[in-house]
Amino acid sequence: MDLNTIIQVLDSTVRMSTPLLLACLAGLFSERAGIFDIGLEGKMLIAAFFSAAIAYESGSAWVGLGAGIAASLVFSAIHGLASITFRGNQLISGVALNFLASGLTVLIAQDWYKQGGRTLTLPSTAKFGELDLPFANALRDVPVVGPIYSDLISGHSILAYAAFAMVPLTWWILFRTRFGLRLRAVGEAPDAVDTAGVSVTGMRFAAVAICGVLCGIAGAYLATSIQSNFGREMSAGRGYIALAALIFAKWRPWYALAACLLFGLLQAIALRFQNIDLGFFTIPVQFMDALPYILTVVILAGFVGKAIPPRAGGEPYVKER
């Protein structure tokens, strides 16, 4: 492959990795606090629909982003009530939210727009456009460095840059602040945190809320940046891949970045190289589409090793009297 093709694949990798990274960091906050969240997929999906619908109606991508975050926060509140307040099974609650989002988005979209479960195409003013970084055009003709800076590093949505900036911010919050220390302690030993006078319920709801915000941004990115509308099941399993990346990363922010870039690269390759002709055999496009999911299973099964989740993960906390 020439440099141009490599840059195009890596550019697609960044775009494909962005929603995965946001969802993965969302799950990281939630699971570090002891709340397993299978519902990342549903939160992304409901956020994608409302961000696209409200952006179209208002003509503003930022208003759409706010609507997507709000919708995701509602789902986070439902998950929090079910798993924290009422001490329900966290996995079942998350799966239920996924089913709810899958059906609700198509139902409302069909009722509002009569487009078979899709929203109308967003005008350019209601989308997050590509940002040109300083000197991108001036450096474009410089060999090697110019194309890398102009075509790979520059030219992405502001949400993509925010997603990658969230990695060091997440690391700083979790490992350099009192809030992060308490959040991690709630996921490991909630009884000790409660004894110290910190509200376990409050910390877990805070983590679930952060998860909702990040999933809302991920969903909005899908509908108002990668695409120009909402389509049924447009999250396409990204929430589940984000969970796989989270396990692969062993619940660490920097490892999560590497894992999401890896899975994003697999998706970019699948999109770029389809119907590959080997001479004696043509690899079908369906196999290339399934390749990222197949390799996700292979990587988790054979290369992750022992990934130890937070000790109190998935367990409702009952305050001792």
C-alpha atoms as a PDB file:
ATOM      1  CA  MET A   1       0.000   0.000   0.000  1.00  0.00           C
ATOM      2  CA  ASP A   2       1.160   3.545  -0.697  1.00  0.00           C
ATOM      3  CA  LEU A   3       1.197   6.320   1.890  1.00  0.00           C
ATOM      4  CA  ASN A   4      -2.075   7.749   0.601  1.00  0.00           C
ATOM      5  CA  THR A   5      -3.948   4.483   1.150  1.00  0.00           C
ATOM      6  CA  ILE A   6      -2.427   4.007   4.605  1.00  0.00           C
ATOM      7  CA  ILE A   7      -3.481   7.528   5.618  1.00  0.00           C
ATOM      8  CA  GLN A   8      -7.017   6.899   4.336  1.00  0.00           C
ATOM      9  CA  VAL A   9      -7.269   3.669   6.357  1.00  0.00           C
ATOM     10  CA  LEU A  10      -5.903   5.367   9.478  1.00  0.00           C
ATOM     11  CA  ASP A  11      -8.267   8.312   8.966  1.00  0.00           C
ATOM     12  CA  SER A  12     -11.189   5.862   8.873  1.00  0.00           C
ATOM     13  CA  THR A  13      -9.711   4.192  11.956  1.00  0.00           C
ATOM     14  CA  VAL A  14      -9.953   7.455  13.892  1.00  0.00           C
ATOM     15  CA  ARG A  15     -13.567   7.965  12.788  1.00  0.00           C
ATOM     16  CA  MET A  16     -14.561   4.381  13.606  1.00  0.00           C
ATOM     17  CA  SER A  17     -12.728   4.462  16.943  1.00  0.00           C
ATOM     18  CA  THR A  18     -14.339   7.648  18.245  1.00  0.00           C
ATOM     19  CA  PRO A  19     -17.763   6.254  19.253  1.00  0.00           C
ATOM     20  CA  LEU A  20     -16.094   3.083  20.545  1.00  0.00           C
ATOM     21  CA  LEU A  21     -13.726   5.132  22.687  1.00  0.00           C
ATOM     22  CA  LEU A  22     -16.495   7.286  24.155  1.00  0.00           C
ATOM     23  CA  ALA A  23     -18.623   4.221  24.951  1.00  0.00           C
ATOM     24  CA  CYS A  24     -15.609   2.385  26.369  1.00  0.00           C
ATOM     25  CA  LEU A  25     -14.743   5.275  28.697  1.00  0.00           C
ATOM     26  CA  ALA A  26     -18.413   5.461  29.669  1.00  0.00           C
ATOM     27  CA  GLY A  27     -18.342   1.815  30.679  1.00  0.00           C
ATOM     28  CA  LEU A  28     -15.037   2.401  32.449  1.00  0.00           C
ATOM     29  CA  PHE A  29     -16.555   4.986  34.796  1.00  0.00           C
ATOM     30  CA  SER A  30     -19.625   2.857  35.448  1.00  0.00           C
ATOM     31  CA  GLU A  31     -17.851  -0.436  36.025  1.00  0.00           C
ATOM     32  CA  ARG A  32     -15.088   1.107  38.129  1.00  0.00           C
ATOM     33  CA  ALA A  33     -17.908   2.127  40.476  1.00  0.00           C
ATOM     34  CA  GLY A  34     -19.275  -1.417  40.531  1.00  0.00           C
ATOM     35  CA  ILE A  35     -22.146  -0.992  38.056  1.00  0.00           C
ATOM     36  CA  PHE A  36     -21.894  -3.274  35.036  1.00  0.00           C
ATOM     37  CA  ASP A  37     -23.586  -1.659  32.066  1.00  0.00           C
ATOM     38  CA  ILE A  38     -24.586  -3.859  29.145  1.00  0.00           C
ATOM     39  CA  GLY A  39     -26.860  -0.995  28.081  1.00  0.00           C
ATOM     40  CA  LEU A  40     -24.130   1.071  26.375  1.00  0.00           C
ATOM     41  CA  GLU A  41     -25.585   0.021  23.037  1.00  0.00           C
ATOM     42  CA  GLY A  42     -29.079   1.218  23.956  1.00  0.00           C
ATOM     43  CA  LYS A  43     -27.824   4.546  25.288  1.00  0.00           C
ATOM     44  CA  MET A  44     -25.878   5.207  22.107  1.00  0.00           C
ATOM     45  CA  LEU A  45     -28.875   4.286  19.969  1.00  0.00           C
ATOM     46  CA  ILE A  46     -31.407   6.460  21.806  1.00  0.00           C
ATOM     47  CA  ALA A  47     -28.906   9.347  21.819  1.00  0.00           C
ATOM     48  CA  ALA A  48     -28.280   8.957  18.090  1.00  0.00           C
ATOM     49  CA  PHE A  49     -31.994   9.160  17.332  1.00  0.00           C
ATOM     50  CA  PHE A  50     -32.804  12.199  19.462  1.00  0.00           C
ATOM     51  CA  SER A  51     -29.657  14.062  18.452  1.00  0.00           C
ATOM     52  CA  ALA A  52     -30.529  13.595  14.765  1.00  0.00           C
ATOM     53  CA  ALA A  53     -34.210  14.424  15.230  1.00  0.00           C
ATOM     54  CA  ILE A  54     -33.674  17.517  17.380  1.00  0.00           C
ATOM     55  CA  ALA A  55     -30.745  18.727  15.264  1.00  0.00           C
ATOM     56  CA  TYR A  56     -32.999  18.542  12.198  1.00  0.00           C
ATOM     57  CA  GLU A  57     -35.881  20.358  13.898  1.00  0.00           C
ATOM     58  CA  SER A  58     -33.702  23.050  15.482  1.00  0.00           C
ATOM     59  CA  GLY A  59     -31.111  23.368  12.721  1.00  0.00           C
ATOM     60  CA  SER A  60     -28.323  23.200  15.309  1.00  0.00           C
ATOM     61  CA  ALA A  61     -25.931  20.311  15.874  1.00  0.00           C
ATOM     62  CA  TRP A  62     -25.223  21.574  19.396  1.00  0.00           C
ATOM     63  CA  VAL A  63     -28.911  21.470  20.343  1.00  0.00           C
ATOM     64  CA  GLY A  64     -29.016  17.966  18.893  1.00  0.00           C
ATOM     65  CA  LEU A  65     -26.003  17.008  20.989  1.00  0.00           C
ATOM     66  CA  GLY A  66     -27.756  18.272  24.111  1.00  0.00           C
ATOM     67  CA  ALA A  67     -30.870  16.275  23.243  1.00  0.00           C
ATOM     68  CA  GLY A  68     -28.798  13.138  22.691  1.00  0.00           C
ATOM     69  CA  ILE A  69     -27.065  13.534  26.044  1.00  0.00           C
ATOM     70  CA  ALA A  70     -30.411  14.147  27.773  1.00  0.00           C
ATOM     71  CA  ALA A  71     -31.932  11.002  26.225  1.00  0.00           C
ATOM     72  CA  SER A  72     -28.927   8.939  27.272  1.00  0.00           C
ATOM     73  CA  LEU A  73     -29.119  10.362  30.797  1.00  0.00           C
ATOM     74  CA  VAL A  74     -32.766   9.271  31.044  1.00  0.00           C
ATOM     75  CA  PHE A  75     -31.706   5.719  30.196  1.00  0.00           C
ATOM     76  CA  SER A  76     -28.864   5.992  32.712  1.00  0.00           C
ATOM     77  CA  ALA A  77     -31.342   7.111  35.372  1.00  0.00           C
ATOM     78  CA  ILE A  78     -33.537   4.096  34.618  1.00  0.00           C
ATOM     79  CA  HIS A  79     -30.534   1.788  34.874  1.00  0.00           C
ATOM     80  CA  GLY A  80     -29.462   3.476  38.103  1.00  0.00           C
ATOM     81  CA  LEU A  81     -32.902   3.147  39.662  1.00  0.00           C
ATOM     82  CA  ALA A  82     -33.153  -0.505  38.667  1.00  0.00           C
ATOM     83  CA  SER A  83     -29.663  -1.575  39.721  1.00  0.00           C
ATOM     84  CA  ILE A  84     -28.770   0.824  42.554  1.00  0.00           C
ATOM     85  CA  THR A  85     -32.017   1.912  44.208  1.00  0.00           C
ATOM     86  CA  PHE A  86     -34.009  -1.291  43.718  1.00  0.00           C
ATOM     87  CA  ARG A  87     -30.925  -3.565  43.674  1.00  0.00           C
ATOM     88  CA  GLY A  88     -32.025  -5.365  40.519  1.00  0.00           C
ATOM     89  CA  ASN A  89     -29.839  -7.481  38.282  1.00  0.00           C
ATOM     90  CA  GLN A  90     -27.543  -5.084  36.447  1.00  0.00           C
ATOM     91  CA  LEU A  91     -27.091  -7.259  33.367  1.00  0.00           C
ATOM     92  CA  ILE A  92     -30.822  -7.776  32.861  1.00  0.00           C
ATOM     93  CA  SER A  93     -31.447  -4.047  33.302  1.00  0.00           C
ATOM     94  CA  GLY A  94     -28.874  -3.221  30.636  1.00  0.00           C
ATOM     95  CA  VAL A  95     -30.221  -5.779  28.182  1.00  0.00           C
ATOM     96  CA  ALA A  96     -33.762  -4.457  28.731  1.00  0.00           C
ATOM     97  CA  LEU A  97     -32.585  -0.931  27.885  1.00  0.00           C
ATOM     98  CA  ASN A  98     -31.014  -2.209  24.676  1.00  0.00           C
ATOM     99  CA  PHE A  99     -34.280  -3.807  23.591  1.00  0.00           C
ATOM    100  CA  LEU A 100     -36.228  -0.706  24.606  1.00  0.00           C
ATOM    101  CA  ALA A 101     -33.964   1.597  22.578  1.00  0.00           C
ATOM    102  CA  SER A 102     -34.059  -0.719  19.571  1.00  0.00           C
ATOM    103  CA  GLY A 103     -37.844  -0.702  19.388  1.00  0.00           C
ATOM    104  CA  LEU A 104     -38.535   2.823  20.645  1.00  0.00           C
ATOM    105  CA  THR A 105     -36.267   4.611  18.170  1.00  0.00           C
ATOM    106  CA  VAL A 106     -37.803   2.891  15.146  1.00  0.00           C
ATOM    107  CA  LEU A 107     -41.343   3.409  16.450  1.00  0.00           C
ATOM    108  CA  ILE A 108     -40.907   7.147  17.073  1.00  0.00           C
ATOM    109  CA  ALA A 109     -38.937   7.691  13.859  1.00  0.00           C
ATOM    110  CA  GLN A 110     -41.646   6.008  11.794  1.00  0.00           C
ATOM    111  CA  ASP A 111     -44.363   8.021  13.548  1.00  0.00           C
ATOM    112  CA  TRP A 112     -42.558  11.336  13.086  1.00  0.00           C
ATOM    113  CA  TYR A 113     -40.973  10.989   9.649  1.00  0.00           C
ATOM    114  CA  LYS A 114     -42.601   8.025   7.857  1.00  0.00           C
ATOM    115  CA  GLN A 115     -39.204   6.999   6.441  1.00  0.00           C
ATOM    116  CA  GLY A 116     -39.104   3.365   7.535  1.00  0.00           C
ATOM    117  CA  GLY A 117     -37.497   4.072  10.883  1.00  0.00           C
ATOM    118  CA  ARG A 118     -35.079   6.725   9.611  1.00  0.00           C
ATOM    119  CA  THR A 119     -34.924  10.454  10.211  1.00  0.00           C
ATOM    120  CA  LEU A 120     -34.641  13.046   7.471  1.00  0.00           C
ATOM    121  CA  THR A 121     -31.224  14.041   6.165  1.00  0.00           C
ATOM    122  CA  LEU A 122     -29.598  16.796   8.176  1.00  0.00           C
ATOM    123  CA  PRO A 123     -28.593  20.041   6.440  1.00  0.00           C
ATOM    124  CA  SER A 124     -24.945  20.978   6.705  1.00  0.00           C
ATOM    125  CA  THR A 125     -25.724  23.588   9.362  1.00  0.00           C
ATOM    126  CA  ALA A 126     -27.145  20.875  11.636  1.00  0.00           C
ATOM    127  CA  LYS A 127     -24.039  18.665  11.434  1.00  0.00           C
ATOM    128  CA  PHE A 128     -20.685  18.816  13.155  1.00  0.00           C
ATOM    129  CA  GLY A 129     -18.318  19.767  10.373  1.00  0.00           C
ATOM    130  CA  GLU A 130     -14.665  18.914   9.970  1.00  0.00           C
ATOM    131  CA  LEU A 131     -12.183  21.157  11.744  1.00  0.00           C
ATOM    132  CA  ASP A 132      -9.026  22.258   9.955  1.00  0.00           C
ATOM    133  CA  LEU A 133      -6.177  22.564  12.428  1.00  0.00           C
ATOM    134  CA  PRO A 134      -3.730  25.490  12.152  1.00  0.00           C
ATOM    135  CA  PHE A 135      -1.352  25.316   9.142  1.00  0.00           C
ATOM    136  CA  ALA A 136      -3.130  22.219   7.737  1.00  0.00           C
ATOM    137  CA  ASN A 137      -3.373  23.709   4.248  1.00  0.00           C
ATOM    138  CA  ALA A 138       0.098  25.243   4.350  1.00  0.00           C
ATOM    139  CA  LEU A 139       1.760  21.937   5.238  1.00  0.00           C
ATOM    140  CA  ARG A 140      -0.276  19.791   2.849  1.00  0.00           C
ATOM    141  CA  ASP A 141       2.466  19.659   0.161  1.00  0.00           C
ATOM    142  CA  VAL A 142       5.287  18.789   2.576  1.00  0.00           C
ATOM    143  CA  PRO A 143       6.360  15.182   1.923  1.00  0.00           C
ATOM    144  CA  VAL A 144       5.140  12.580   4.452  1.00  0.00           C
ATOM    145  CA  VAL A 145       4.592  15.042   7.325  1.00  0.00           C
ATOM    146  CA  GLY A 146       2.153  17.200   5.355  1.00  0.00           C
ATOM    147  CA  PRO A 147      -0.347  14.474   4.417  1.00  0.00           C
ATOM    148  CA  ILE A 148      -0.169  12.958   7.906  1.00  0.00           C
ATOM    149  CA  TYR A 149      -0.946  16.291   9.561  1.00  0.00           C
ATOM    150  CA  SER A 150      -3.409  17.630   6.969  1.00  0.00           C
ATOM    151  CA  ASP A 151      -5.332  14.467   6.130  1.00  0.00           C
ATOM    152  CA  LEU A 152      -4.970  12.308   9.249  1.00  0.00           C
ATOM    153  CA  ILE A 153      -4.585  14.539  12.303  1.00  0.00           C
ATOM    154  CA  SER A 154      -6.598  17.456  10.925  1.00  0.00           C
ATOM    155  CA  GLY A 155     -10.083  17.328   9.453  1.00  0.00           C
ATOM    156  CA  HIS A 156     -12.101  15.584  12.149  1.00  0.00           C
ATOM    157  CA  SER A 157     -15.213  16.596  14.060  1.00  0.00           C
ATOM    158  CA  ILE A 158     -14.850  18.487  17.316  1.00  0.00           C
ATOM    159  CA  LEU A 159     -16.483  15.478  19.005  1.00  0.00           C
ATOM    160  CA  ALA A 160     -13.642  13.252  17.791  1.00  0.00           C
ATOM    161  CA  TYR A 161     -11.025  15.545  19.313  1.00  0.00           C
ATOM    162  CA  ALA A 162     -13.086  15.687  22.519  1.00  0.00           C
ATOM    163  CA  ALA A 163     -13.206  11.882  22.641  1.00  0.00           C
ATOM    164  CA  PHE A 164      -9.425  11.537  22.451  1.00  0.00           C
ATOM    165  CA  ALA A 165      -8.975  14.359  24.964  1.00  0.00           C
ATOM    166  CA  MET A 166     -11.198  12.387  27.348  1.00  0.00           C
ATOM    167  CA  VAL A 167      -8.537   9.696  27.702  1.00  0.00           C
ATOM    168  CA  PRO A 168      -5.989  11.758  29.701  1.00  0.00           C
ATOM    169  CA  LEU A 169      -8.859  13.526  31.454  1.00  0.00           C
ATOM    170  CA  THR A 170     -10.344  10.191  32.526  1.00  0.00           C
ATOM    171  CA  TRP A 171      -6.924   9.012  33.740  1.00  0.00           C
ATOM    172  CA  TRP A 172      -6.495  12.226  35.744  1.00  0.00           C
ATOM    173  CA  ILE A 173      -9.984  12.027  37.273  1.00  0.00           C
ATOM    174  CA  LEU A 174      -9.684   8.364  38.249  1.00  0.00           C
ATOM    175  CA  PHE A 175      -6.107   8.343  39.540  1.00  0.00           C
ATOM    176  CA  ARG A 176      -5.326  11.908  40.580  1.00  0.00           C
ATOM    177  CA  THR A 177      -8.492  13.233  42.249  1.00  0.00           C
ATOM    178  CA  ARG A 178     -10.365  12.466  45.444  1.00  0.00           C
ATOM    179  CA  PHE A 179     -13.513  11.808  43.427  1.00  0.00           C
ATOM    180  CA  GLY A 180     -11.691   9.190  41.356  1.00  0.00           C
ATOM    181  CA  LEU A 181     -10.250   7.518  44.437  1.00  0.00           C
ATOM    182  CA  ARG A 182     -13.687   7.256  45.985  1.00  0.00           C
ATOM    183  CA  LEU A 183     -15.225   6.027  42.740  1.00  0.00           C
ATOM    184  CA  ARG A 184     -12.650   3.249  42.413  1.00  0.00           C
ATOM    185  CA  ALA A 185     -13.044   2.376  46.095  1.00  0.00           C
ATOM    186  CA  VAL A 186     -16.820   2.048  45.648  1.00  0.00           C
ATOM    187  CA  GLY A 187     -16.175  -0.578  42.995  1.00  0.00           C
ATOM    188  CA  GLU A 188     -13.715  -2.495  45.145  1.00  0.00           C
ATOM    189  CA  ALA A 189     -14.895  -2.159  48.748  1.00  0.00           C
ATOM    190  CA  PRO A 190     -18.172  -0.228  49.085  1.00  0.00           C
ATOM    191  CA  ASP A 191     -18.541  -1.164  52.745  1.00  0.00           C
ATOM    192  CA  ALA A 192     -15.237   0.549  53.569  1.00  0.00           C
ATOM    193  CA  VAL A 193     -16.309   3.665  51.652  1.00  0.00           C
ATOM    194  CA  ASP A 194     -19.615   3.708  53.519  1.00  0.00           C
ATOM    195  CA  THR A 195     -17.786   3.389  56.836  1.00  0.00           C
ATOM    196  CA  ALA A 196     -15.702   6.439  55.888  1.00  0.00           C
ATOM    197  CA  GLY A 197     -18.908   8.468  55.522  1.00  0.00           C
ATOM    198  CA  VAL A 198     -19.064   8.574  51.718  1.00  0.00           C
ATOM    199  CA  SER A 199     -22.391   7.791  50.065  1.00  0.00           C
ATOM    200  CA  VAL A 200     -22.031   4.623  47.989  1.00  0.00           C
ATOM    201  CA  THR A 201     -25.353   5.318  46.302  1.00  0.00           C
ATOM    202  CA  GLY A 202     -24.340   8.871  45.427  1.00  0.00           C
ATOM    203  CA  MET A 203     -20.998   7.811  43.968  1.00  0.00           C
ATOM    204  CA  ARG A 204     -22.577   5.074  41.882  1.00  0.00           C
ATOM    205  CA  PHE A 205     -25.261   7.402  40.545  1.00  0.00           C
ATOM    206  CA  ALA A 206     -22.524   9.928  39.666  1.00  0.00           C
ATOM    207  CA  ALA A 207     -20.641   7.241  37.728  1.00  0.00           C
ATOM    208  CA  VAL A 208     -23.810   6.167  35.922  1.00  0.00           C
ATOM    209  CA  ALA A 209     -24.524   9.808  35.021  1.00  0.00           C
ATOM    210  CA  ILE A 210     -21.016  10.271  33.583  1.00  0.00           C
ATOM    211  CA  CYS A 211     -21.594   7.080  31.609  1.00  0.00           C
ATOM    212  CA  GLY A 212     -24.816   8.565  30.244  1.00  0.00           C
ATOM    213  CA  VAL A 213     -23.119  11.789  29.143  1.00  0.00           C
ATOM    214  CA  LEU A 214     -20.342   9.971  27.291  1.00  0.00           C
ATOM    215  CA  CYS A 215     -22.761   7.565  25.604  1.00  0.00           C
ATOM    216  CA  GLY A 216     -24.868  10.552  24.587  1.00  0.00           C
ATOM    217  CA  ILE A 217     -21.864  12.159  22.889  1.00  0.00           C
ATOM    218  CA  ALA A 218     -21.053   8.844  21.177  1.00  0.00           C
ATOM    219  CA  GLY A 219     -24.587   8.520  19.825  1.00  0.00           C
ATOM    220  CA  ALA A 220     -24.640  12.131  18.654  1.00  0.00           C
ATOM    221  CA  TYR A 221     -21.336  11.580  16.865  1.00  0.00           C
ATOM    222  CA  LEU A 222     -22.836   8.678  14.927  1.00  0.00           C
ATOM    223  CA  ALA A 223     -25.889  10.634  13.739  1.00  0.00           C
ATOM    224  CA  THR A 224     -24.536  14.158  13.308  1.00  0.00           C
ATOM    225  CA  SER A 225     -20.918  13.597  12.342  1.00  0.00           C
ATOM    226  CA  ILE A 226     -20.253  10.203  10.729  1.00  0.00           C
ATOM    227  CA  GLN A 227     -23.686  10.205   9.083  1.00  0.00           C
ATOM    228  CA  SER A 228     -26.309  12.840   8.360  1.00  0.00           C
ATOM    229  CA  ASN A 229     -29.335  11.131   9.843  1.00  0.00           C
ATOM    230  CA  PHE A 230     -30.498   8.333  12.103  1.00  0.00           C
ATOM    231  CA  GLY A 231     -31.004   4.828  10.734  1.00  0.00           C
ATOM    232  CA  ARG A 232     -32.423   1.848  12.561  1.00  0.00           C
ATOM    233  CA  GLU A 233     -29.837  -0.055  14.609  1.00  0.00           C
ATOM    234  CA  MET A 234     -27.178   2.397  13.465  1.00  0.00           C
ATOM    235  CA  SER A 235     -25.059   1.717  16.559  1.00  0.00           C
ATOM    236  CA  ALA A 236     -24.434  -1.692  14.902  1.00  0.00           C
ATOM    237  CA  GLY A 237     -23.108  -3.457  17.978  1.00  0.00           C
ATOM    238  CA  ARG A 238     -20.586  -0.753  18.867  1.00  0.00           C
ATOM    239  CA  GLY A 239     -21.738  -0.799  22.480  1.00  0.00           C
ATOM    240  CA  TYR A 240     -20.874  -4.480  22.733  1.00  0.00           C
ATOM    241  CA  ILE A 241     -17.512  -3.988  21.035  1.00  0.00           C
ATOM    242  CA  ALA A 242     -16.827  -1.161  23.518  1.00  0.00           C
ATOM    243  CA  LEU A 243     -17.492  -3.610  26.356  1.00  0.00           C
ATOM    244  CA  ALA A 244     -15.082  -6.057  24.744  1.00  0.00           C
ATOM    245  CA  ALA A 245     -12.497  -3.280  24.423  1.00  0.00           C
ATOM    246  CA  LEU A 246     -13.028  -2.417  28.083  1.00  0.00           C
ATOM    247  CA  ILE A 247     -12.265  -5.991  29.129  1.00  0.00           C
ATOM    248  CA  PHE A 248      -9.337  -6.109  26.713  1.00  0.00           C
ATOM    249  CA  ALA A 249      -8.036  -2.885  28.298  1.00  0.00           C
ATOM    250  CA  LYS A 250      -8.517  -4.300  31.807  1.00  0.00           C
ATOM    251  CA  TRP A 251     -10.437  -1.194  32.884  1.00  0.00           C
ATOM    252  CA  ARG A 252      -7.568   1.252  32.253  1.00  0.00           C
ATOM    253  CA  PRO A 253      -7.988   4.456  30.192  1.00  0.00           C
ATOM    254  CA  TRP A 254      -4.795   4.329  28.122  1.00  0.00           C
ATOM    255  CA  TYR A 255      -5.219   0.647  27.366  1.00  0.00           C
ATOM    256  CA  ALA A 256      -8.818   1.453  26.397  1.00  0.00           C
ATOM    257  CA  LEU A 257      -7.518   3.905  23.807  1.00  0.00           C
ATOM    258  CA  ALA A 258      -5.242   1.263  22.308  1.00  0.00           C
ATOM    259  CA  ALA A 259      -8.023  -1.349  22.287  1.00  0.00           C
ATOM    260  CA  CYS A 260     -10.513   0.990  20.607  1.00  0.00           C
ATOM    261  CA  LEU A 261      -7.968   2.001  17.975  1.00  0.00           C
ATOM    262  CA  LEU A 262      -7.366  -1.686  17.272  1.00  0.00           C
ATOM    263  CA  PHE A 263     -11.065  -2.440  16.851  1.00  0.00           C
ATOM    264  CA  GLY A 264     -11.511   0.756  14.833  1.00  0.00           C
ATOM    265  CA  LEU A 265      -8.676  -0.356  12.546  1.00  0.00           C
ATOM    266  CA  LEU A 266     -10.415  -3.703  11.990  1.00  0.00           C
ATOM    267  CA  GLN A 267     -13.618  -1.900  11.032  1.00  0.00           C
ATOM    268  CA  ALA A 268     -11.733   0.498   8.741  1.00  0.00           C
ATOM    269  CA  ILE A 269     -10.039  -2.403   6.963  1.00  0.00           C
ATOM    270  CA  ALA A 270     -13.392  -4.153   6.555  1.00  0.00           C
ATOM    271  CA  LEU A 271     -14.875  -1.019   4.974  1.00  0.00           C
ATOM    272  CA  ARG A 272     -11.876  -0.320   2.758  1.00  0.00           C
ATOM    273  CA  PHE A 273     -11.163  -3.806   1.440  1.00  0.00           C
ATOM    274  CA  GLN A 274     -14.287  -5.616   0.282  1.00  0.00           C
ATOM    275  CA  ASN A 275     -14.730  -8.394  -2.261  1.00  0.00           C
ATOM    276  CA  ILE A 276     -10.997  -9.093  -2.229  1.00  0.00           C
ATOM    277  CA  ASP A 277      -9.985 -11.199  -5.217  1.00  0.00           C
ATOM    278  CA  LEU A 278      -7.264 -13.724  -4.366  1.00  0.00           C
ATOM    279  CA  GLY A 279      -7.287 -15.163  -7.876  1.00  0.00           C
ATOM    280  CA  PHE A 280      -8.626 -18.569  -6.963  1.00  0.00           C
ATOM    281  CA  PHE A 281     -11.161 -17.224  -4.464  1.00  0.00           C
ATOM    282  CA  THR A 282     -12.999 -13.963  -3.800  1.00  0.00           C
ATOM    283  CA  ILE A 283     -13.521 -13.048  -0.158  1.00  0.00           C
ATOM    284  CA  PRO A 284     -17.202 -12.024   0.106  1.00  0.00           C
ATOM    285  CA  VAL A 285     -18.169  -8.625   1.445  1.00  0.00           C
ATOM    286  CA  GLN A 286     -20.253 -10.272   4.177  1.00  0.00           C
ATOM    287  CA  PHE A 287     -17.132 -11.894   5.622  1.00  0.00           C
ATOM    288  CA  MET A 288     -15.280  -8.569   5.657  1.00  0.00           C
ATOM    289  CA  ASP A 289     -18.241  -6.937   7.437  1.00  0.00           C
ATOM    290  CA  ALA A 290     -18.213  -9.695  10.056  1.00  0.00           C
ATOM    291  CA  LEU A 291     -14.419  -9.667  10.441  1.00  0.00           C
ATOM    292  CA  PRO A 292     -14.229  -7.046  13.240  1.00  0.00           C
ATOM    293  CA  TYR A 293     -16.711  -9.023  15.338  1.00  0.00           C
ATOM    294  CA  ILE A 294     -14.964 -12.336  14.652  1.00  0.00           C
ATOM    295  CA  LEU A 295     -11.577 -10.927  15.603  1.00  0.00           C
ATOM    296  CA  THR A 296     -13.110  -9.346  18.708  1.00  0.00           C
ATOM    297  CA  VAL A 297     -14.070 -12.823  19.930  1.00  0.00           C
ATOM    298  CA  VAL A 298     -10.678 -14.267  18.937  1.00  0.00           C
ATOM    299  CA  ILE A 299      -8.762 -11.507  20.695  1.00  0.00           C
ATOM    300  CA  LEU A 300     -10.827 -11.782  23.874  1.00  0.00           C
ATOM    301  CA  ALA A 301     -10.591 -15.570  23.888  1.00  0.00           C
ATOM    302  CA  GLY A 302      -6.916 -15.909  23.162  1.00  0.00           C
ATOM    303  CA  PHE A 303      -4.926 -12.774  23.859  1.00  0.00           C
ATOM    304  CA  VAL A 304      -6.424 -10.902  26.794  1.00  0.00           C
ATOM    305  CA  GLY A 305      -5.261 -13.167  29.578  1.00  0.00           C
ATOM    306  CA  LYS A 306      -6.804 -12.870  32.988  1.00  0.00           C
ATOM    307  CA  ALA A 307      -8.833  -9.662  33.259  1.00  0.00           C
ATOM    308  CA  ILE A 308      -9.981  -9.072  36.826  1.00  0.00           C
ATOM    309  CA  PRO A 309     -12.998  -6.733  37.110  1.00  0.00           C
ATOM    310  CA  PRO A 310     -13.685  -4.552  40.175  1.00  0.00           C
ATOM    311  CA  ARG A 311     -14.407  -6.866  43.106  1.00  0.00           C
ATOM    312  CA  ALA A 312     -17.806  -5.356  43.900  1.00  0.00           C
ATOM    313  CA  GLY A 313     -18.841  -5.146  40.259  1.00  0.00           C
ATOM    314  CA  GLY A 314     -22.363  -6.341  39.564  1.00  0.00           C
ATOM    315  CA  GLU A 315     -23.259  -6.616  43.237  1.00  0.00           C
ATOM    316  CA  PRO A 316     -25.897  -4.308  44.767  1.00  0.00           C
ATOM    317  CA  TYR A 317     -24.768  -2.670  47.967  1.00  0.00           C
ATOM    318  CA  VAL A 318     -26.890  -3.170  51.057  1.00  0.00           C
ATOM    319  CA  LYS A 319     -26.046  -0.759  53.831  1.00  0.00           C
ATOM    320  CA  GLU A 320     -25.333  -2.463  57.138  1.00  0.00           C
ATOM    321  CA  ARG A 321     -27.431  -1.297  60.034  1.00  0.00           C
END
